[in-house]
Amino acid sequence: MTERSTSDYARAAGAISSQRIATPEKGLEVKEVRIPTGRGDMPAYFAKPATGTGFPVILIAQEIFGLHEHIRDIARRFAALGYLAVAPDYFFRVGDPSAAPDIAAIRRIILAAPDSGVMTDFDSALDFAAASAGDVSRSAITGFCWGGRMAWLYARHNPRLRAAIPWYGRLGGDKTANQPLWPLDIAQEIEIPVLGLYGGADPSIPLDQIDEMRAKLGEAAVPAEIVVYADAPHAFFADYRESYRPEAAQDAWRRTLEFLRERVLQE
């Protein structure tokens, strides 16, 4: 097992909690890879069971802190459960959030990455999974924070997915040339099952936006559910941060795995 240290986490994330989860590599194949995209080779973290083939595929959309140890550990958690997990670094053309000194620098990186390019980057990640023992006919996406927003957008972009699971991804905000649409704008165009996981004490995502998102998904007859944990803040699943709330995180993880079993694992 590779030893992990606090330096493996994002620089701007602050003090790293001693309660962080560390998933071992034993029984897994894990590696840093480069995925051809047509616009440069994209770094990604790859994890799957060490033996076998035809694994269901889970794409992992990173939080604002980039492709750091928390996201890599989530990939290993899925791989330990029999998934082929790919976490692409879709910010690689504009910067590395994990090395950024502060949130302001991270925001500049994020806003420089066009949503349209990120969508095709995930397409490339799926192609890579298909060539690496993955069964992309059984594929899903999950994402955290900014990656939760991306999971919503990719759910609309790729209706061949079987499921999407956004965690506390913002639903609305300022529109720019690089980010022209938000989940609230495209909710009625989503055709795949979605499980949204949100914190009721998250000031960045107002409850009225969550209610609006639910209503729009309902109008579109999407098989979707948004679960709100009343006292949970933003990033309640981030076990390496003070925002971590074990009870909410564990229940949301249980719901995630049940949702995937029902929607993705069936042949």
Protein backbone atom coordinates (compact mmCIF):
# COMPACT_ATOMS: atom_id res chain seq x y z
CA MET A 1 0.00 0.00 0.00
CA THR A 2 1.23 3.47 -0.90
CA GLU A 3 1.55 5.72 2.12
CA ARG A 4 -0.53 8.89 1.95
CA SER A 5 0.39 12.16 3.60
CA THR A 6 -1.32 15.49 4.10
CA SER A 7 0.79 16.87 1.24
CA ASP A 8 -1.23 14.67 -1.15
CA TYR A 9 -4.25 16.90 -0.53
CA ALA A 10 -5.00 20.27 -2.10
CA ARG A 11 -2.83 23.12 -0.85
CA ALA A 12 -5.77 25.52 -0.38
CA ALA A 13 -7.98 23.01 1.44
CA GLY A 14 -6.62 24.02 4.84
CA ALA A 15 -5.71 21.75 7.72
CA ILE A 16 -6.21 18.07 6.86
CA SER A 17 -8.34 16.14 9.32
CA SER A 18 -7.00 13.08 11.12
CA GLN A 19 -10.35 11.35 10.45
CA ARG A 20 -9.73 11.25 6.69
CA ILE A 21 -10.47 7.91 5.08
CA ALA A 22 -7.60 5.99 3.47
CA THR A 23 -8.66 3.19 1.13
CA PRO A 24 -5.89 0.61 0.50
CA GLU A 25 -4.71 -0.34 -2.97
CA LYS A 26 -4.58 -4.06 -2.17
CA GLY A 27 -6.51 -6.06 -4.74
CA LEU A 28 -6.74 -3.08 -7.07
CA GLU A 29 -4.99 -1.76 -10.14
CA VAL A 30 -4.47 1.96 -9.62
CA LYS A 31 -2.42 4.38 -11.67
CA GLU A 32 -2.07 7.86 -13.02
CA VAL A 33 -2.89 7.81 -16.73
CA ARG A 34 -2.99 10.19 -19.71
CA ILE A 35 -6.18 10.13 -21.77
CA PRO A 36 -6.10 11.29 -25.41
CA THR A 37 -8.70 14.01 -25.98
CA GLY A 38 -7.81 15.58 -29.32
CA ARG A 39 -6.86 18.71 -27.38
CA GLY A 40 -3.94 17.28 -25.45
CA ASP A 41 -3.50 14.24 -23.25
CA MET A 42 -5.56 14.67 -20.09
CA PRO A 43 -4.20 13.45 -16.73
CA ALA A 44 -6.55 11.16 -14.83
CA TYR A 45 -6.59 8.75 -11.91
CA PHE A 46 -7.65 5.21 -12.76
CA ALA A 47 -8.71 2.44 -10.38
CA LYS A 48 -10.28 -0.97 -10.91
CA PRO A 49 -10.14 -4.50 -9.51
CA ALA A 50 -6.78 -6.13 -10.24
CA THR A 51 -8.34 -9.02 -12.14
CA GLY A 52 -11.33 -9.45 -14.39
CA THR A 53 -12.99 -7.50 -17.16
CA GLY A 54 -16.34 -5.97 -18.11
CA PHE A 55 -16.48 -3.73 -15.05
CA PRO A 56 -19.26 -1.15 -14.64
CA VAL A 57 -17.83 2.32 -15.10
CA ILE A 58 -18.03 5.31 -12.76
CA LEU A 59 -16.71 8.71 -13.81
CA ILE A 60 -15.72 10.97 -10.90
CA ALA A 61 -15.91 14.73 -11.35
CA GLN A 62 -13.47 16.45 -9.01
CA GLU A 63 -14.32 19.21 -6.55
CA ILE A 64 -12.87 22.72 -6.84
CA PHE A 65 -9.62 21.53 -5.25
CA GLY A 66 -8.80 19.43 -8.28
CA LEU A 67 -7.52 15.89 -8.66
CA HIS A 68 -6.05 15.43 -5.19
CA GLU A 69 -6.01 12.60 -2.66
CA HIS A 70 -9.66 12.82 -1.61
CA ILE A 71 -10.82 12.24 -5.19
CA ARG A 72 -8.27 9.48 -5.72
CA ASP A 73 -9.47 7.77 -2.56
CA ILE A 74 -13.09 7.90 -3.74
CA ALA A 75 -11.95 6.21 -6.97
CA ARG A 76 -10.35 3.42 -4.92
CA ARG A 77 -13.53 3.03 -2.85
CA PHE A 78 -15.51 2.40 -6.02
CA ALA A 79 -12.86 0.07 -7.43
CA ALA A 80 -12.92 -1.96 -4.21
CA LEU A 81 -16.64 -2.48 -4.88
CA GLY A 82 -16.05 -3.79 -8.40
CA TYR A 83 -16.22 -0.62 -10.49
CA LEU A 84 -13.76 0.78 -12.97
CA ALA A 85 -13.33 4.38 -11.80
CA VAL A 86 -11.87 7.22 -13.83
CA ALA A 87 -11.30 10.67 -12.33
CA PRO A 88 -10.18 12.99 -15.14
CA ASP A 89 -8.37 16.26 -14.47
CA TYR A 90 -10.55 18.43 -16.69
CA PHE A 91 -8.80 21.62 -15.52
CA PHE A 92 -5.42 20.53 -16.87
CA ARG A 93 -5.37 23.00 -19.77
CA VAL A 94 -5.86 26.04 -17.55
CA GLY A 95 -4.15 25.17 -14.26
CA ASP A 96 -3.91 22.85 -11.27
CA PRO A 97 -6.34 23.71 -8.46
CA SER A 98 -4.65 21.25 -6.11
CA ALA A 99 -1.47 23.37 -6.21
CA ALA A 100 -3.22 26.76 -6.10
CA PRO A 101 -2.39 28.87 -3.01
CA ASP A 102 -5.91 30.03 -2.21
CA ILE A 103 -9.58 29.95 -3.23
CA ALA A 104 -9.26 33.09 -5.36
CA ALA A 105 -6.62 31.40 -7.50
CA ILE A 106 -8.77 28.29 -7.76
CA ARG A 107 -11.76 30.32 -8.94
CA ARG A 108 -9.67 31.82 -11.73
CA ILE A 109 -8.74 28.34 -12.90
CA ILE A 110 -12.30 27.05 -12.75
CA LEU A 111 -13.78 29.97 -14.64
CA ALA A 112 -11.19 29.53 -17.40
CA ALA A 113 -12.34 25.97 -18.22
CA PRO A 114 -15.24 25.97 -20.73
CA ASP A 115 -18.09 23.62 -19.87
CA SER A 116 -18.24 22.45 -23.48
CA GLY A 117 -14.67 21.20 -23.29
CA VAL A 118 -15.28 19.43 -19.99
CA MET A 119 -18.21 17.54 -21.53
CA THR A 120 -16.03 16.19 -24.34
CA ASP A 121 -13.30 15.39 -21.81
CA PHE A 122 -15.73 13.08 -20.04
CA ASP A 123 -16.57 11.53 -23.41
CA SER A 124 -12.86 10.82 -23.83
CA ALA A 125 -12.71 9.35 -20.32
CA LEU A 126 -15.52 6.94 -21.23
CA ASP A 127 -13.68 5.93 -24.40
CA PHE A 128 -10.61 5.24 -22.28
CA ALA A 129 -12.69 3.15 -19.85
CA ALA A 130 -14.09 1.11 -22.75
CA ALA A 131 -10.55 0.32 -23.91
CA SER A 132 -9.46 -0.58 -20.36
CA ALA A 133 -11.83 -3.46 -19.44
CA GLY A 134 -14.82 -1.24 -18.71
CA ASP A 135 -18.40 -1.96 -19.75
CA VAL A 136 -19.59 1.51 -20.78
CA SER A 137 -23.11 0.21 -21.37
CA ARG A 138 -23.21 0.22 -17.55
CA SER A 139 -21.77 3.63 -16.76
CA ALA A 140 -22.57 6.53 -14.44
CA ILE A 141 -21.09 9.80 -13.27
CA THR A 142 -20.75 11.24 -9.80
CA GLY A 143 -19.24 14.55 -8.79
CA PHE A 144 -18.54 16.74 -5.80
CA CYS A 145 -18.87 20.51 -5.35
CA TRP A 146 -18.03 22.01 -8.77
CA GLY A 147 -17.90 18.43 -9.99
CA GLY A 148 -21.49 18.03 -8.80
CA ARG A 149 -22.46 20.80 -11.18
CA MET A 150 -20.54 18.98 -13.91
CA ALA A 151 -22.38 15.75 -13.12
CA TRP A 152 -25.71 17.51 -13.73
CA LEU A 153 -24.46 18.95 -17.02
CA TYR A 154 -22.99 15.66 -18.20
CA ALA A 155 -26.24 13.87 -17.38
CA ARG A 156 -27.85 16.07 -20.00
CA HIS A 157 -24.92 15.80 -22.42
CA ASN A 158 -24.79 12.00 -22.44
CA PRO A 159 -28.20 10.30 -22.21
CA ARG A 160 -26.50 6.91 -22.66
CA LEU A 161 -25.40 6.98 -19.04
CA ARG A 162 -27.46 4.91 -16.67
CA ALA A 163 -27.25 7.31 -13.74
CA ALA A 164 -25.81 10.53 -12.35
CA ILE A 165 -25.13 11.34 -8.69
CA PRO A 166 -24.26 15.00 -8.03
CA TRP A 167 -23.07 15.87 -4.52
CA TYR A 168 -23.73 19.49 -3.45
CA GLY A 169 -23.21 20.86 -6.95
CA ARG A 170 -24.38 24.43 -7.43
CA LEU A 171 -27.64 24.69 -9.35
CA GLY A 172 -27.58 28.33 -10.45
CA GLY A 173 -25.18 31.25 -10.69
CA ASP A 174 -23.65 33.90 -12.89
CA LYS A 175 -23.44 33.00 -16.57
CA THR A 176 -20.26 33.53 -18.56
CA ALA A 177 -18.99 32.59 -22.00
CA ASN A 178 -17.32 29.53 -20.48
CA GLN A 179 -20.23 28.64 -18.19
CA PRO A 180 -23.35 29.67 -20.12
CA LEU A 181 -25.77 27.23 -18.46
CA TRP A 182 -26.46 25.90 -14.99
CA PRO A 183 -28.33 22.78 -13.88
CA LEU A 184 -31.52 24.79 -13.39
CA ASP A 185 -31.36 25.77 -17.06
CA ILE A 186 -31.15 22.23 -18.37
CA ALA A 187 -33.13 20.22 -15.80
CA GLN A 188 -36.01 19.57 -18.17
CA GLU A 189 -33.59 18.15 -20.78
CA ILE A 190 -32.15 15.44 -18.52
CA GLU A 191 -33.33 11.97 -19.49
CA ILE A 192 -31.41 9.69 -17.12
CA PRO A 193 -31.98 8.81 -13.44
CA VAL A 194 -30.39 11.26 -11.02
CA LEU A 195 -29.75 11.20 -7.28
CA GLY A 196 -28.78 14.60 -5.88
CA LEU A 197 -27.21 14.84 -2.41
CA TYR A 198 -27.26 18.24 -0.69
CA GLY A 199 -26.72 19.95 2.63
CA GLY A 200 -29.53 22.00 4.12
CA ALA A 201 -27.01 24.27 5.85
CA ASP A 202 -25.10 25.07 2.66
CA PRO A 203 -25.33 28.84 2.05
CA SER A 204 -23.96 28.48 -1.49
CA ILE A 205 -26.98 26.43 -2.62
CA PRO A 206 -30.27 27.97 -1.38
CA LEU A 207 -33.10 25.60 -0.54
CA ASP A 208 -35.43 27.44 -2.92
CA GLN A 209 -33.08 26.49 -5.79
CA ILE A 210 -33.27 22.86 -4.72
CA ASP A 211 -37.07 23.07 -4.67
CA GLU A 212 -37.03 24.64 -8.13
CA MET A 213 -34.74 21.90 -9.42
CA ARG A 214 -37.05 19.22 -8.03
CA ALA A 215 -40.04 20.86 -9.70
CA LYS A 216 -38.34 21.09 -13.09
CA LEU A 217 -37.16 17.48 -12.93
CA GLY A 218 -40.69 16.46 -12.02
CA GLU A 219 -42.13 18.32 -15.00
CA ALA A 220 -39.75 16.43 -17.25
CA ALA A 221 -40.76 13.12 -15.64
CA VAL A 222 -37.12 12.35 -14.90
CA PRO A 223 -36.64 9.48 -12.42
CA ALA A 224 -34.84 11.80 -10.02
CA GLU A 225 -34.54 12.35 -6.29
CA ILE A 226 -32.78 15.09 -4.36
CA VAL A 227 -31.98 14.28 -0.73
CA VAL A 228 -31.25 17.16 1.64
CA TYR A 229 -29.48 16.61 4.96
CA ALA A 230 -30.94 19.37 7.10
CA ASP A 231 -27.94 20.32 9.24
CA ALA A 232 -25.17 19.38 6.80
CA PRO A 233 -22.93 22.07 5.30
CA HIS A 234 -21.33 22.16 1.88
CA ALA A 235 -18.75 19.40 1.40
CA PHE A 236 -20.25 17.20 4.12
CA PHE A 237 -18.71 14.14 2.41
CA ALA A 238 -15.17 15.58 2.42
CA ASP A 239 -13.72 13.47 5.24
CA TYR A 240 -10.41 15.35 5.11
CA ARG A 241 -12.04 18.70 6.04
CA GLU A 242 -13.82 20.15 9.05
CA SER A 243 -17.03 20.26 6.97
CA TYR A 244 -17.27 16.45 7.19
CA ARG A 245 -20.45 15.14 8.79
CA PRO A 246 -20.10 11.36 9.28
CA GLU A 247 -23.79 10.58 9.74
CA ALA A 248 -24.91 12.43 6.62
CA ALA A 249 -21.90 11.21 4.63
CA GLN A 250 -22.48 7.57 5.52
CA ASP A 251 -26.19 7.71 4.71
CA ALA A 252 -25.51 9.48 1.40
CA TRP A 253 -22.88 6.87 0.49
CA ARG A 254 -25.35 4.08 1.29
CA ARG A 255 -27.96 5.74 -0.93
CA THR A 256 -25.36 6.16 -3.68
CA LEU A 257 -24.47 2.47 -3.71
CA GLU A 258 -28.13 1.41 -3.63
CA PHE A 259 -28.90 3.77 -6.51
CA LEU A 260 -26.03 2.37 -8.54
CA ARG A 261 -27.04 -1.21 -7.80
CA GLU A 262 -30.55 -0.50 -9.05
CA ARG A 263 -29.64 1.62 -12.08
CA VAL A 264 -26.17 0.55 -13.23
CA LEU A 265 -25.23 -2.94 -12.11
CA GLN A 266 -28.09 -4.70 -13.87
CA GLU A 267 -26.95 -6.40 -17.08
